[in-house]
Amino acid sequence: MLKTSLAALGAACMLYGAASAAPVAVDLSTWAADGQGTWNLAPDANSVVQTQNGIPGIFFNGEDSQGQSLSGTIEVQQTGDDDFIGFVLGYNAGDIGSEDVNYILIDWKQRDQSFYGEVAPAGLAISRVTGVLDNGPGAWWHDPSDGVEELARATNLGSVGWEDNTVYEFDLVFTDSLIQVFVNDILEISLEGSFMNGSFGFYNYSQANVRYGALTQAVVDPIPLPGAAAFMLTGLGAAAFGRRRAARKAAA
């Protein structure tokens, strides 16, 4: 347990011990939609609400986003459903309907639910998508034979669903060898591997009235740090998230 905690702390400091550009507000008017979904932009183009209860849909920035972080808030603004919200990384236009793809899905389900003879568990997970992402076993319960292979579940939220009408702050870090997912300033997923370049995007499956807001993006330069330095830089990590939170409030 101690070894795991040290590894997570070191991974967190790998980002925040390094220099990074100041975050800038995201202009969602340049983003595009794939799959199903109705994405309603706010007048300031810095937040979007997906209002349709349907098969998987993605709203993405259309730019190569490796070496960057995306921060903001996510909230389900209703009480009548319990399905999937989340993000994609390394996504390219048309990937949702293609058999020849390789991108990352981060999805969060509110409650356990049976479908296709299996159970889709509540909680936050990260998966690799290598096939069509449709209304089927792959997207529903991460079936590798159907193109969705689960890679890890969140440290604290792996079996914990999101709450209705609750604002969660998120930070995504995306490089060619490291993905990190923070929820409310807590590192939930830190995954090392080899990841294809592509877009940041928002993901929705059978869940209406989801708002993504107060969005900022920044360039990051991860630098691995020895364990002792990780302890010393814990305060720097907290300070970095404080700056991001202040930027989100200013953009809201």
Foldseek 3Di string as FASTA:
>chain_A
DVVVVLVLLLLLCLWLVFDWDQWDQDQLVQKDKDDDWDWAADPSNRKIFTADQAKKMKIWNQDFAAQKKKKFKKAQADDDDWAKKFKKFQDHPPQQAAQADWIKTWIATAAWDDDPNDIAAGFIFMWIFRGHRTPDDCVRRNDVVHGIHTDDGWPPGRRHGDDHGDMWIWMWHHHQFWIWIDINLHTGDIGGDGHHTTIMIIMDHRGGTMMTGLMIMMGTDGHRDDSVVSVVCPVSSVVVVVSSVVSSVVSD
